[in-house]
Amino acid sequence: MTQLIADETATRRPSRTAAITAVLCLTGTAVSLLQTMVVPLLPEFPAIFGVSHDDSSWLITITLLTGAVGTPIISRLADMFGKRRMLLISLTAMIVGSLVAAAGSTFTAAVIGRGLQGFSVALIPIGISIMRDELPKARVAGATSLMSATLGIGAALALPLAGFVDAHLGWQGTFWVPAGVGVVMFVAVALIVPESSVRTPGRFDHLGAILLSGGLSTLLVGITKGGTWGWTSKPTLLLFGASVLIFALWFPHELRVGRPLVDLRTSARRPVLATNIASVLVGFAMYANMLLTTQQLQMPRISGYGFEMTVFAAGIAMIPTGVAMVVFSPSRR
């Protein structure tokens, strides 16, 4: 069966593989677009919604939280029930979240919408997995590199686009645009991307998913609110303690089950572990750069460190960041 799949993949028409690669890479660009478009508007959201700067940061935090929790769960479900199916479900979450945030016009609706958008982060690993299943072996490395570069392409487009959209459509436009892009990508995936015949059957690790969700949620909430509540305050310490306890239960559980949600033994291997640690550090640096720099660019000059730029100008100033991500993405090997 494996040989038949390999033969079929090798003989797939070049135009077909190019179309699949293009659609999957565009979905990755869409994910980066929705993740980044709200960044230049962060200094504006407290006034728009009448909330504190700490609370407005949840428009970023909630997306990272649901993405961190949802990606391993959705990826495992994709292996079990079909990668194309979960790709479409993730795009649906992206569309619904964007519509909720745009139409709700309240801070609560925006946070809920951004939370639903976060589940679309799973589009990138699922897209890479589909490439490995559907493309000829010689084209997988190049396609995967291009998929990785979409993070930079989306960021380079999103930062100035956010300012342009805000000026002409208002802040709601930063959610209407991802909704429209999501609809286009949903149709493209449904028409062009085939369902992979490669499956990994088995039982879904429900307990592992619950523990992982709880551990990550308590950890990220503690980190997000620690500066406001105080790092030694009772709520912060309780959240960190709960996270440690939950992960203390999750690790041995994942080592015991036959089909774990996360293969910790593989993750502990030196190349995988080093790559994951580097990814965390690079991701931290990337988001810190985007969040802090865009706010500094828009702060008034009277602050002593701001440049008093408009949202659009700040987006233009951040273009080199996205371009650098594209330029330094891995080339075909």
C-alpha atoms as a PDB file:
ATOM      1  CA  MET A   1       0.000   0.000   0.000  1.00  0.00           C
ATOM      2  CA  THR A   2       2.823   2.377   0.912  1.00  0.00           C
ATOM      3  CA  GLN A   3       4.565   1.648  -2.402  1.00  0.00           C
ATOM      4  CA  LEU A   4       1.369   2.343  -4.342  1.00  0.00           C
ATOM      5  CA  ILE A   5       1.005   5.709  -2.588  1.00  0.00           C
ATOM      6  CA  ALA A   6       4.642   6.538  -3.352  1.00  0.00           C
ATOM      7  CA  ASP A   7       4.215   5.602  -7.039  1.00  0.00           C
ATOM      8  CA  GLU A   8       1.054   7.689  -7.331  1.00  0.00           C
ATOM      9  CA  THR A   9       2.763  10.660  -5.661  1.00  0.00           C
ATOM     10  CA  ALA A  10       5.794  10.406  -7.931  1.00  0.00           C
ATOM     11  CA  THR A  11       3.653  10.388 -11.078  1.00  0.00           C
ATOM     12  CA  ARG A  12       1.336  13.221 -10.024  1.00  0.00           C
ATOM     13  CA  ARG A  13       1.263  15.929 -12.689  1.00  0.00           C
ATOM     14  CA  PRO A  14       3.621  18.849 -11.998  1.00  0.00           C
ATOM     15  CA  SER A  15       0.775  21.342 -12.472  1.00  0.00           C
ATOM     16  CA  ARG A  16      -1.265  19.506  -9.849  1.00  0.00           C
ATOM     17  CA  THR A  17       1.549  19.473  -7.289  1.00  0.00           C
ATOM     18  CA  ALA A  18       2.247  23.153  -7.976  1.00  0.00           C
ATOM     19  CA  ALA A  19      -1.418  23.971  -7.349  1.00  0.00           C
ATOM     20  CA  ILE A  20      -1.447  22.015  -4.072  1.00  0.00           C
ATOM     21  CA  THR A  21       1.758  23.741  -2.930  1.00  0.00           C
ATOM     22  CA  ALA A  22       0.402  27.179  -3.824  1.00  0.00           C
ATOM     23  CA  VAL A  23      -2.888  26.671  -1.973  1.00  0.00           C
ATOM     24  CA  LEU A  24      -1.214  25.309   1.163  1.00  0.00           C
ATOM     25  CA  CYS A  25       1.339  28.127   1.203  1.00  0.00           C
ATOM     26  CA  LEU A  26      -1.440  30.680   0.825  1.00  0.00           C
ATOM     27  CA  THR A  27      -3.194  29.177   3.858  1.00  0.00           C
ATOM     28  CA  GLY A  28       0.042  29.675   5.810  1.00  0.00           C
ATOM     29  CA  THR A  29       0.150  33.284   4.634  1.00  0.00           C
ATOM     30  CA  ALA A  30      -3.468  33.713   5.766  1.00  0.00           C
ATOM     31  CA  VAL A  31      -2.562  32.469   9.256  1.00  0.00           C
ATOM     32  CA  SER A  32       0.316  34.928   9.530  1.00  0.00           C
ATOM     33  CA  LEU A  33      -1.921  37.677   8.174  1.00  0.00           C
ATOM     34  CA  LEU A  34      -4.577  37.295  10.864  1.00  0.00           C
ATOM     35  CA  GLN A  35      -1.957  36.838  13.598  1.00  0.00           C
ATOM     36  CA  THR A  36      -0.142  40.052  12.676  1.00  0.00           C
ATOM     37  CA  MET A  37      -2.856  42.445  11.483  1.00  0.00           C
ATOM     38  CA  VAL A  38      -3.933  43.398  15.010  1.00  0.00           C
ATOM     39  CA  VAL A  39      -0.373  44.178  16.154  1.00  0.00           C
ATOM     40  CA  PRO A  40      -0.155  47.801  14.850  1.00  0.00           C
ATOM     41  CA  LEU A  41      -3.561  48.517  16.409  1.00  0.00           C
ATOM     42  CA  LEU A  42      -2.654  47.344  19.922  1.00  0.00           C
ATOM     43  CA  PRO A  43      -1.969  50.895  21.188  1.00  0.00           C
ATOM     44  CA  GLU A  44      -5.413  51.917  19.861  1.00  0.00           C
ATOM     45  CA  PHE A  45      -7.484  49.072  21.344  1.00  0.00           C
ATOM     46  CA  PRO A  46      -7.586  50.368  24.970  1.00  0.00           C
ATOM     47  CA  ALA A  47      -9.297  53.550  23.772  1.00  0.00           C
ATOM     48  CA  ILE A  48     -11.516  51.692  21.293  1.00  0.00           C
ATOM     49  CA  PHE A  49     -12.855  49.198  23.833  1.00  0.00           C
ATOM     50  CA  GLY A  50     -12.411  51.208  27.037  1.00  0.00           C
ATOM     51  CA  VAL A  51     -10.075  48.653  28.654  1.00  0.00           C
ATOM     52  CA  SER A  52      -6.599  48.755  30.174  1.00  0.00           C
ATOM     53  CA  HIS A  53      -3.443  48.093  28.180  1.00  0.00           C
ATOM     54  CA  ASP A  54      -2.966  44.826  30.097  1.00  0.00           C
ATOM     55  CA  ASP A  55      -6.456  43.655  29.170  1.00  0.00           C
ATOM     56  CA  SER A  56      -6.042  44.649  25.526  1.00  0.00           C
ATOM     57  CA  SER A  57      -2.965  42.387  25.340  1.00  0.00           C
ATOM     58  CA  TRP A  58      -5.384  39.463  25.536  1.00  0.00           C
ATOM     59  CA  LEU A  59      -6.155  40.078  21.875  1.00  0.00           C
ATOM     60  CA  ILE A  60      -2.694  38.634  21.251  1.00  0.00           C
ATOM     61  CA  THR A  61      -2.438  36.258  24.228  1.00  0.00           C
ATOM     62  CA  ILE A  62      -5.709  34.420  23.602  1.00  0.00           C
ATOM     63  CA  THR A  63      -4.673  33.592  20.032  1.00  0.00           C
ATOM     64  CA  LEU A  64      -1.320  32.239  21.202  1.00  0.00           C
ATOM     65  CA  LEU A  65      -3.069  30.266  23.950  1.00  0.00           C
ATOM     66  CA  THR A  66      -5.647  28.587  21.716  1.00  0.00           C
ATOM     67  CA  GLY A  67      -2.976  28.007  19.094  1.00  0.00           C
ATOM     68  CA  ALA A  68      -0.675  26.320  21.619  1.00  0.00           C
ATOM     69  CA  VAL A  69      -3.499  24.168  22.984  1.00  0.00           C
ATOM     70  CA  GLY A  70      -5.266  23.457  19.713  1.00  0.00           C
ATOM     71  CA  THR A  71      -2.347  22.669  17.406  1.00  0.00           C
ATOM     72  CA  PRO A  72      -1.293  19.302  18.916  1.00  0.00           C
ATOM     73  CA  ILE A  73      -4.930  18.261  19.334  1.00  0.00           C
ATOM     74  CA  ILE A  74      -5.990  19.204  15.803  1.00  0.00           C
ATOM     75  CA  SER A  75      -2.801  17.698  14.340  1.00  0.00           C
ATOM     76  CA  ARG A  76      -3.496  14.381  16.057  1.00  0.00           C
ATOM     77  CA  LEU A  77      -7.095  14.419  14.834  1.00  0.00           C
ATOM     78  CA  ALA A  78      -5.786  15.133  11.318  1.00  0.00           C
ATOM     79  CA  ASP A  79      -3.611  12.020  11.468  1.00  0.00           C
ATOM     80  CA  MET A  80      -6.603   9.972  12.595  1.00  0.00           C
ATOM     81  CA  PHE A  81      -9.521  11.333  10.579  1.00  0.00           C
ATOM     82  CA  GLY A  82      -8.043  13.128   7.584  1.00  0.00           C
ATOM     83  CA  LYS A  83      -5.711  16.064   7.090  1.00  0.00           C
ATOM     84  CA  ARG A  84      -7.849  17.854   4.501  1.00  0.00           C
ATOM     85  CA  ARG A  85     -10.894  17.533   6.755  1.00  0.00           C
ATOM     86  CA  MET A  86      -9.111  19.157   9.710  1.00  0.00           C
ATOM     87  CA  LEU A  87      -7.657  21.781   7.382  1.00  0.00           C
ATOM     88  CA  LEU A  88     -11.199  22.808   6.444  1.00  0.00           C
ATOM     89  CA  ILE A  89     -12.308  22.750  10.085  1.00  0.00           C
ATOM     90  CA  SER A  90      -9.399  25.005  11.070  1.00  0.00           C
ATOM     91  CA  LEU A  91     -10.285  27.421   8.268  1.00  0.00           C
ATOM     92  CA  THR A  92     -13.888  27.408   9.486  1.00  0.00           C
ATOM     93  CA  ALA A  93     -12.714  28.381  12.980  1.00  0.00           C
ATOM     94  CA  MET A  94     -10.683  31.199  11.419  1.00  0.00           C
ATOM     95  CA  ILE A  95     -13.679  32.504   9.446  1.00  0.00           C
ATOM     96  CA  VAL A  96     -16.150  32.246  12.333  1.00  0.00           C
ATOM     97  CA  GLY A  97     -13.702  33.891  14.749  1.00  0.00           C
ATOM     98  CA  SER A  98     -13.094  36.772  12.365  1.00  0.00           C
ATOM     99  CA  LEU A  99     -16.833  37.318  11.865  1.00  0.00           C
ATOM    100  CA  VAL A 100     -17.534  37.208  15.612  1.00  0.00           C
ATOM    101  CA  ALA A 101     -14.818  39.787  16.337  1.00  0.00           C
ATOM    102  CA  ALA A 102     -15.864  42.092  13.480  1.00  0.00           C
ATOM    103  CA  ALA A 103     -19.619  41.935  14.019  1.00  0.00           C
ATOM    104  CA  GLY A 104     -19.590  41.890  17.819  1.00  0.00           C
ATOM    105  CA  SER A 105     -17.958  45.318  18.174  1.00  0.00           C
ATOM    106  CA  THR A 106     -17.190  44.654  21.856  1.00  0.00           C
ATOM    107  CA  PHE A 107     -14.018  43.670  23.663  1.00  0.00           C
ATOM    108  CA  THR A 108     -15.538  40.337  24.758  1.00  0.00           C
ATOM    109  CA  ALA A 109     -16.523  39.495  21.186  1.00  0.00           C
ATOM    110  CA  ALA A 110     -13.060  40.482  19.941  1.00  0.00           C
ATOM    111  CA  VAL A 111     -11.351  38.207  22.496  1.00  0.00           C
ATOM    112  CA  ILE A 112     -13.677  35.279  21.664  1.00  0.00           C
ATOM    113  CA  GLY A 113     -13.109  35.847  17.960  1.00  0.00           C
ATOM    114  CA  ARG A 114      -9.349  36.010  18.375  1.00  0.00           C
ATOM    115  CA  GLY A 115      -9.497  32.821  20.405  1.00  0.00           C
ATOM    116  CA  LEU A 116     -11.264  31.013  17.564  1.00  0.00           C
ATOM    117  CA  GLN A 117      -8.760  32.449  15.095  1.00  0.00           C
ATOM    118  CA  GLY A 118      -5.975  30.842  17.120  1.00  0.00           C
ATOM    119  CA  PHE A 119      -7.086  27.356  16.115  1.00  0.00           C
ATOM    120  CA  SER A 120      -6.051  28.179  12.553  1.00  0.00           C
ATOM    121  CA  VAL A 121      -2.387  27.968  13.634  1.00  0.00           C
ATOM    122  CA  ALA A 122      -2.755  24.216  13.076  1.00  0.00           C
ATOM    123  CA  LEU A 123      -3.018  24.941   9.339  1.00  0.00           C
ATOM    124  CA  ILE A 124       0.767  25.190   9.052  1.00  0.00           C
ATOM    125  CA  PRO A 125       1.811  21.781  10.495  1.00  0.00           C
ATOM    126  CA  ILE A 126      -1.133  20.078   8.783  1.00  0.00           C
ATOM    127  CA  GLY A 127      -0.201  21.762   5.490  1.00  0.00           C
ATOM    128  CA  ILE A 128       3.395  20.555   5.806  1.00  0.00           C
ATOM    129  CA  SER A 129       2.126  17.046   6.567  1.00  0.00           C
ATOM    130  CA  ILE A 130      -0.059  17.086   3.428  1.00  0.00           C
ATOM    131  CA  MET A 131       2.952  18.183   1.385  1.00  0.00           C
ATOM    132  CA  ARG A 132       4.912  15.187   2.656  1.00  0.00           C
ATOM    133  CA  ASP A 133       2.058  12.877   1.661  1.00  0.00           C
ATOM    134  CA  GLU A 134       1.131  14.367  -1.713  1.00  0.00           C
ATOM    135  CA  LEU A 135       4.244  15.874  -3.282  1.00  0.00           C
ATOM    136  CA  PRO A 136       7.124  14.017  -4.961  1.00  0.00           C
ATOM    137  CA  LYS A 137       9.982  13.468  -2.531  1.00  0.00           C
ATOM    138  CA  ALA A 138      12.287  15.783  -4.498  1.00  0.00           C
ATOM    139  CA  ARG A 139       9.893  18.719  -4.014  1.00  0.00           C
ATOM    140  CA  VAL A 140       9.017  18.253  -0.344  1.00  0.00           C
ATOM    141  CA  ALA A 141      12.034  20.148   1.072  1.00  0.00           C
ATOM    142  CA  GLY A 142      11.526  23.188  -1.155  1.00  0.00           C
ATOM    143  CA  ALA A 143       7.772  23.272  -0.530  1.00  0.00           C
ATOM    144  CA  THR A 144       8.284  22.992   3.231  1.00  0.00           C
ATOM    145  CA  SER A 145      10.765  25.876   3.160  1.00  0.00           C
ATOM    146  CA  LEU A 146       8.288  27.980   1.210  1.00  0.00           C
ATOM    147  CA  MET A 147       5.563  27.108   3.733  1.00  0.00           C
ATOM    148  CA  SER A 148       7.849  28.309   6.531  1.00  0.00           C
ATOM    149  CA  ALA A 149       8.554  31.526   4.625  1.00  0.00           C
ATOM    150  CA  THR A 150       4.825  32.321   4.514  1.00  0.00           C
ATOM    151  CA  LEU A 151       5.122  33.510   8.125  1.00  0.00           C
ATOM    152  CA  GLY A 152       7.367  36.306   6.927  1.00  0.00           C
ATOM    153  CA  ILE A 153       5.330  36.978   3.802  1.00  0.00           C
ATOM    154  CA  GLY A 154       2.129  37.288   5.825  1.00  0.00           C
ATOM    155  CA  ALA A 155       3.796  39.540   8.390  1.00  0.00           C
ATOM    156  CA  ALA A 156       5.296  41.765   5.698  1.00  0.00           C
ATOM    157  CA  LEU A 157       1.859  42.190   4.123  1.00  0.00           C
ATOM    158  CA  ALA A 158      -0.159  42.453   7.327  1.00  0.00           C
ATOM    159  CA  LEU A 159       1.698  45.270   9.076  1.00  0.00           C
ATOM    160  CA  PRO A 160       1.155  48.016   6.459  1.00  0.00           C
ATOM    161  CA  LEU A 161      -2.189  46.493   5.397  1.00  0.00           C
ATOM    162  CA  ALA A 162      -3.508  46.896   8.940  1.00  0.00           C
ATOM    163  CA  GLY A 163      -2.893  50.633   8.831  1.00  0.00           C
ATOM    164  CA  PHE A 164      -4.486  50.979   5.391  1.00  0.00           C
ATOM    165  CA  VAL A 165      -7.539  48.942   6.392  1.00  0.00           C
ATOM    166  CA  ASP A 166      -7.912  50.813   9.685  1.00  0.00           C
ATOM    167  CA  ALA A 167      -7.857  54.147   7.861  1.00  0.00           C
ATOM    168  CA  HIS A 168     -10.525  53.146   5.345  1.00  0.00           C
ATOM    169  CA  LEU A 169     -12.668  50.475   7.070  1.00  0.00           C
ATOM    170  CA  GLY A 170     -12.037  51.083  10.762  1.00  0.00           C
ATOM    171  CA  TRP A 171     -10.644  48.558  13.237  1.00  0.00           C
ATOM    172  CA  GLN A 172     -13.358  46.058  12.268  1.00  0.00           C
ATOM    173  CA  GLY A 173     -11.677  45.809   8.876  1.00  0.00           C
ATOM    174  CA  THR A 174      -8.742  44.002  10.469  1.00  0.00           C
ATOM    175  CA  PHE A 175     -11.187  41.170  11.129  1.00  0.00           C
ATOM    176  CA  TRP A 176     -13.313  41.422   7.971  1.00  0.00           C
ATOM    177  CA  VAL A 177     -10.227  40.984   5.783  1.00  0.00           C
ATOM    178  CA  PRO A 178      -9.105  37.677   7.406  1.00  0.00           C
ATOM    179  CA  ALA A 179     -12.715  36.458   7.167  1.00  0.00           C
ATOM    180  CA  GLY A 180     -12.756  37.146   3.423  1.00  0.00           C
ATOM    181  CA  VAL A 181      -9.339  35.561   2.947  1.00  0.00           C
ATOM    182  CA  GLY A 182     -10.482  32.545   4.946  1.00  0.00           C
ATOM    183  CA  VAL A 183     -13.533  32.030   2.719  1.00  0.00           C
ATOM    184  CA  VAL A 184     -11.377  32.154  -0.420  1.00  0.00           C
ATOM    185  CA  MET A 185      -8.892  29.666   1.058  1.00  0.00           C
ATOM    186  CA  PHE A 186     -11.703  27.345   2.212  1.00  0.00           C
ATOM    187  CA  VAL A 187     -13.004  27.120  -1.362  1.00  0.00           C
ATOM    188  CA  ALA A 188      -9.478  26.659  -2.766  1.00  0.00           C
ATOM    189  CA  VAL A 189      -8.653  23.844  -0.327  1.00  0.00           C
ATOM    190  CA  ALA A 190     -11.999  22.135  -0.988  1.00  0.00           C
ATOM    191  CA  LEU A 191     -11.434  22.222  -4.757  1.00  0.00           C
ATOM    192  CA  ILE A 192      -7.693  21.590  -5.092  1.00  0.00           C
ATOM    193  CA  VAL A 193      -6.195  19.827  -2.049  1.00  0.00           C
ATOM    194  CA  PRO A 194      -6.887  16.058  -2.025  1.00  0.00           C
ATOM    195  CA  GLU A 195      -7.578  14.069   1.109  1.00  0.00           C
ATOM    196  CA  SER A 196      -4.452  12.209   2.147  1.00  0.00           C
ATOM    197  CA  SER A 197      -4.766   8.442   2.313  1.00  0.00           C
ATOM    198  CA  VAL A 198      -2.036   8.276   4.973  1.00  0.00           C
ATOM    199  CA  ARG A 199      -3.695   7.765   8.369  1.00  0.00           C
ATOM    200  CA  THR A 200      -2.491   6.898  11.857  1.00  0.00           C
ATOM    201  CA  PRO A 201      -5.351   4.992  13.473  1.00  0.00           C
ATOM    202  CA  GLY A 202      -5.799   4.540  17.192  1.00  0.00           C
ATOM    203  CA  ARG A 203      -7.669   5.977  20.142  1.00  0.00           C
ATOM    204  CA  PHE A 204      -7.577   9.681  20.800  1.00  0.00           C
ATOM    205  CA  ASP A 205      -5.783  10.614  24.025  1.00  0.00           C
ATOM    206  CA  HIS A 206      -8.640  12.488  25.711  1.00  0.00           C
ATOM    207  CA  LEU A 207      -7.021  12.706  29.135  1.00  0.00           C
ATOM    208  CA  GLY A 208      -3.750  13.896  27.632  1.00  0.00           C
ATOM    209  CA  ALA A 209      -5.585  16.628  25.710  1.00  0.00           C
ATOM    210  CA  ILE A 210      -7.418  17.801  28.841  1.00  0.00           C
ATOM    211  CA  LEU A 211      -4.252  17.884  30.941  1.00  0.00           C
ATOM    212  CA  LEU A 212      -2.243  19.648  28.240  1.00  0.00           C
ATOM    213  CA  SER A 213      -4.978  22.264  27.800  1.00  0.00           C
ATOM    214  CA  GLY A 214      -5.156  22.883  31.542  1.00  0.00           C
ATOM    215  CA  GLY A 215      -1.392  23.058  32.005  1.00  0.00           C
ATOM    216  CA  LEU A 216      -0.816  25.482  29.146  1.00  0.00           C
ATOM    217  CA  SER A 217      -3.817  27.644  30.050  1.00  0.00           C
ATOM    218  CA  THR A 218      -2.823  28.127  33.691  1.00  0.00           C
ATOM    219  CA  LEU A 219       0.804  28.771  32.716  1.00  0.00           C
ATOM    220  CA  LEU A 220       0.013  31.381  30.065  1.00  0.00           C
ATOM    221  CA  VAL A 221      -2.618  33.154  32.157  1.00  0.00           C
ATOM    222  CA  GLY A 222      -0.133  33.370  35.020  1.00  0.00           C
ATOM    223  CA  ILE A 223       2.555  34.791  32.748  1.00  0.00           C
ATOM    224  CA  THR A 224       0.133  37.275  31.176  1.00  0.00           C
ATOM    225  CA  LYS A 225      -1.349  38.618  34.421  1.00  0.00           C
ATOM    226  CA  GLY A 226       1.704  38.229  36.656  1.00  0.00           C
ATOM    227  CA  GLY A 227       2.945  41.742  35.928  1.00  0.00           C
ATOM    228  CA  THR A 228      -0.428  43.211  36.914  1.00  0.00           C
ATOM    229  CA  TRP A 229      -1.243  41.006  39.898  1.00  0.00           C
ATOM    230  CA  GLY A 230       2.350  40.795  41.122  1.00  0.00           C
ATOM    231  CA  TRP A 231       4.663  37.836  40.522  1.00  0.00           C
ATOM    232  CA  THR A 232       4.448  36.781  44.176  1.00  0.00           C
ATOM    233  CA  SER A 233       0.706  37.428  44.548  1.00  0.00           C
ATOM    234  CA  LYS A 234      -1.565  34.577  45.581  1.00  0.00           C
ATOM    235  CA  PRO A 235      -3.474  34.273  42.240  1.00  0.00           C
ATOM    236  CA  THR A 236      -0.238  34.186  40.230  1.00  0.00           C
ATOM    237  CA  LEU A 237       1.392  31.590  42.485  1.00  0.00           C
ATOM    238  CA  LEU A 238      -1.768  29.473  42.428  1.00  0.00           C
ATOM    239  CA  LEU A 239      -1.816  29.485  38.634  1.00  0.00           C
ATOM    240  CA  PHE A 240       1.866  28.537  38.390  1.00  0.00           C
ATOM    241  CA  GLY A 241       1.404  25.853  41.049  1.00  0.00           C
ATOM    242  CA  ALA A 242      -1.602  24.437  39.217  1.00  0.00           C
ATOM    243  CA  SER A 243       0.383  24.377  35.967  1.00  0.00           C
ATOM    244  CA  VAL A 244       3.276  22.493  37.607  1.00  0.00           C
ATOM    245  CA  LEU A 245       0.861  19.984  39.153  1.00  0.00           C
ATOM    246  CA  ILE A 246      -1.020  19.394  35.905  1.00  0.00           C
ATOM    247  CA  PHE A 247       2.166  18.887  33.899  1.00  0.00           C
ATOM    248  CA  ALA A 248       3.449  16.539  36.627  1.00  0.00           C
ATOM    249  CA  LEU A 249       0.399  14.390  35.859  1.00  0.00           C
ATOM    250  CA  TRP A 250       0.593  14.858  32.093  1.00  0.00           C
ATOM    251  CA  PHE A 251       4.196  13.754  31.540  1.00  0.00           C
ATOM    252  CA  PRO A 252       3.898  10.230  33.039  1.00  0.00           C
ATOM    253  CA  HIS A 253       0.505   9.792  31.374  1.00  0.00           C
ATOM    254  CA  GLU A 254       1.970  10.562  27.936  1.00  0.00           C
ATOM    255  CA  LEU A 255       4.770   8.057  28.556  1.00  0.00           C
ATOM    256  CA  ARG A 256       2.288   5.312  29.463  1.00  0.00           C
ATOM    257  CA  VAL A 257      -0.308   5.503  26.690  1.00  0.00           C
ATOM    258  CA  GLY A 258       0.215   3.674  23.420  1.00  0.00           C
ATOM    259  CA  ARG A 259      -0.837   6.567  21.178  1.00  0.00           C
ATOM    260  CA  PRO A 260       0.107   9.727  23.091  1.00  0.00           C
ATOM    261  CA  LEU A 261      -1.038  13.157  22.053  1.00  0.00           C
ATOM    262  CA  VAL A 262       2.617  14.256  22.164  1.00  0.00           C
ATOM    263  CA  ASP A 263       5.412  11.707  21.719  1.00  0.00           C
ATOM    264  CA  LEU A 264       7.684  12.806  24.567  1.00  0.00           C
ATOM    265  CA  ARG A 265      10.319  10.167  23.814  1.00  0.00           C
ATOM    266  CA  THR A 266      10.784  11.555  20.314  1.00  0.00           C
ATOM    267  CA  SER A 267      10.651  15.119  21.634  1.00  0.00           C
ATOM    268  CA  ALA A 268      13.457  14.334  24.095  1.00  0.00           C
ATOM    269  CA  ARG A 269      15.897  13.345  21.349  1.00  0.00           C
ATOM    270  CA  ARG A 270      18.680  15.907  21.042  1.00  0.00           C
ATOM    271  CA  PRO A 271      17.969  17.180  17.476  1.00  0.00           C
ATOM    272  CA  VAL A 272      14.224  17.513  18.144  1.00  0.00           C
ATOM    273  CA  LEU A 273      14.699  19.021  21.595  1.00  0.00           C
ATOM    274  CA  ALA A 274      17.269  21.538  20.380  1.00  0.00           C
ATOM    275  CA  THR A 275      15.016  22.536  17.478  1.00  0.00           C
ATOM    276  CA  ASN A 276      12.010  23.008  19.757  1.00  0.00           C
ATOM    277  CA  ILE A 277      13.976  25.095  22.261  1.00  0.00           C
ATOM    278  CA  ALA A 278      15.342  27.264  19.456  1.00  0.00           C
ATOM    279  CA  SER A 279      11.820  27.681  18.040  1.00  0.00           C
ATOM    280  CA  VAL A 280      10.491  28.859  21.404  1.00  0.00           C
ATOM    281  CA  LEU A 281      13.294  31.405  21.812  1.00  0.00           C
ATOM    282  CA  VAL A 282      12.981  32.669  18.230  1.00  0.00           C
ATOM    283  CA  GLY A 283       9.199  32.910  18.554  1.00  0.00           C
ATOM    284  CA  PHE A 284       9.575  34.883  21.791  1.00  0.00           C
ATOM    285  CA  ALA A 285      12.017  37.273  20.144  1.00  0.00           C
ATOM    286  CA  MET A 286       9.824  37.684  17.065  1.00  0.00           C
ATOM    287  CA  TYR A 287       6.646  38.545  18.980  1.00  0.00           C
ATOM    288  CA  ALA A 288       8.509  40.767  21.446  1.00  0.00           C
ATOM    289  CA  ASN A 289      10.008  42.674  18.529  1.00  0.00           C
ATOM    290  CA  MET A 290       6.658  43.151  16.773  1.00  0.00           C
ATOM    291  CA  LEU A 291       4.654  44.036  19.877  1.00  0.00           C
ATOM    292  CA  LEU A 292       7.135  46.375  21.533  1.00  0.00           C
ATOM    293  CA  THR A 293       8.447  48.056  18.402  1.00  0.00           C
ATOM    294  CA  THR A 294       5.020  48.885  16.958  1.00  0.00           C
ATOM    295  CA  GLN A 295       3.967  50.409  20.279  1.00  0.00           C
ATOM    296  CA  GLN A 296       7.175  52.446  20.539  1.00  0.00           C
ATOM    297  CA  LEU A 297       6.726  53.750  16.992  1.00  0.00           C
ATOM    298  CA  GLN A 298       3.210  54.970  17.812  1.00  0.00           C
ATOM    299  CA  MET A 299       3.853  56.419  21.269  1.00  0.00           C
ATOM    300  CA  PRO A 300       3.834  60.255  21.429  1.00  0.00           C
ATOM    301  CA  ARG A 301       7.176  62.035  21.354  1.00  0.00           C
ATOM    302  CA  ILE A 302       6.417  63.602  24.726  1.00  0.00           C
ATOM    303  CA  SER A 303       6.940  60.156  26.268  1.00  0.00           C
ATOM    304  CA  GLY A 304      10.651  60.549  25.579  1.00  0.00           C
ATOM    305  CA  TYR A 305      10.977  57.364  23.535  1.00  0.00           C
ATOM    306  CA  GLY A 306       8.038  57.350  21.090  1.00  0.00           C
ATOM    307  CA  PHE A 307       8.059  58.363  17.425  1.00  0.00           C
ATOM    308  CA  GLU A 308       4.377  59.389  17.197  1.00  0.00           C
ATOM    309  CA  MET A 309       3.780  57.503  13.939  1.00  0.00           C
ATOM    310  CA  THR A 310       0.363  56.641  12.554  1.00  0.00           C
ATOM    311  CA  VAL A 311      -0.750  53.005  12.408  1.00  0.00           C
ATOM    312  CA  PHE A 312      -0.005  52.909   8.681  1.00  0.00           C
ATOM    313  CA  ALA A 313       3.443  54.478   9.059  1.00  0.00           C
ATOM    314  CA  ALA A 314       4.320  52.062  11.858  1.00  0.00           C
ATOM    315  CA  GLY A 315       3.288  49.183   9.620  1.00  0.00           C
ATOM    316  CA  ILE A 316       5.511  50.465   6.822  1.00  0.00           C
ATOM    317  CA  ALA A 317       8.424  50.769   9.269  1.00  0.00           C
ATOM    318  CA  MET A 318       7.979  47.118  10.261  1.00  0.00           C
ATOM    319  CA  ILE A 319       8.131  45.754   6.701  1.00  0.00           C
ATOM    320  CA  PRO A 320      11.883  44.938   6.947  1.00  0.00           C
ATOM    321  CA  THR A 321      11.054  42.478   9.737  1.00  0.00           C
ATOM    322  CA  GLY A 322       8.784  40.464   7.474  1.00  0.00           C
ATOM    323  CA  VAL A 323      11.158  40.737   4.527  1.00  0.00           C
ATOM    324  CA  ALA A 324      14.038  39.430   6.657  1.00  0.00           C
ATOM    325  CA  MET A 325      11.958  36.370   7.595  1.00  0.00           C
ATOM    326  CA  VAL A 326      11.463  35.593   3.916  1.00  0.00           C
ATOM    327  CA  VAL A 327      15.111  36.195   2.963  1.00  0.00           C
ATOM    328  CA  PHE A 328      16.506  34.030   5.769  1.00  0.00           C
ATOM    329  CA  SER A 329      13.988  31.196   5.443  1.00  0.00           C
ATOM    330  CA  PRO A 330      15.692  27.865   4.674  1.00  0.00           C
ATOM    331  CA  SER A 331      16.358  27.278   1.015  1.00  0.00           C
ATOM    332  CA  ARG A 332      15.715  23.997  -0.750  1.00  0.00           C
ATOM    333  CA  ARG A 333      18.058  21.282   0.382  1.00  0.00           C
END
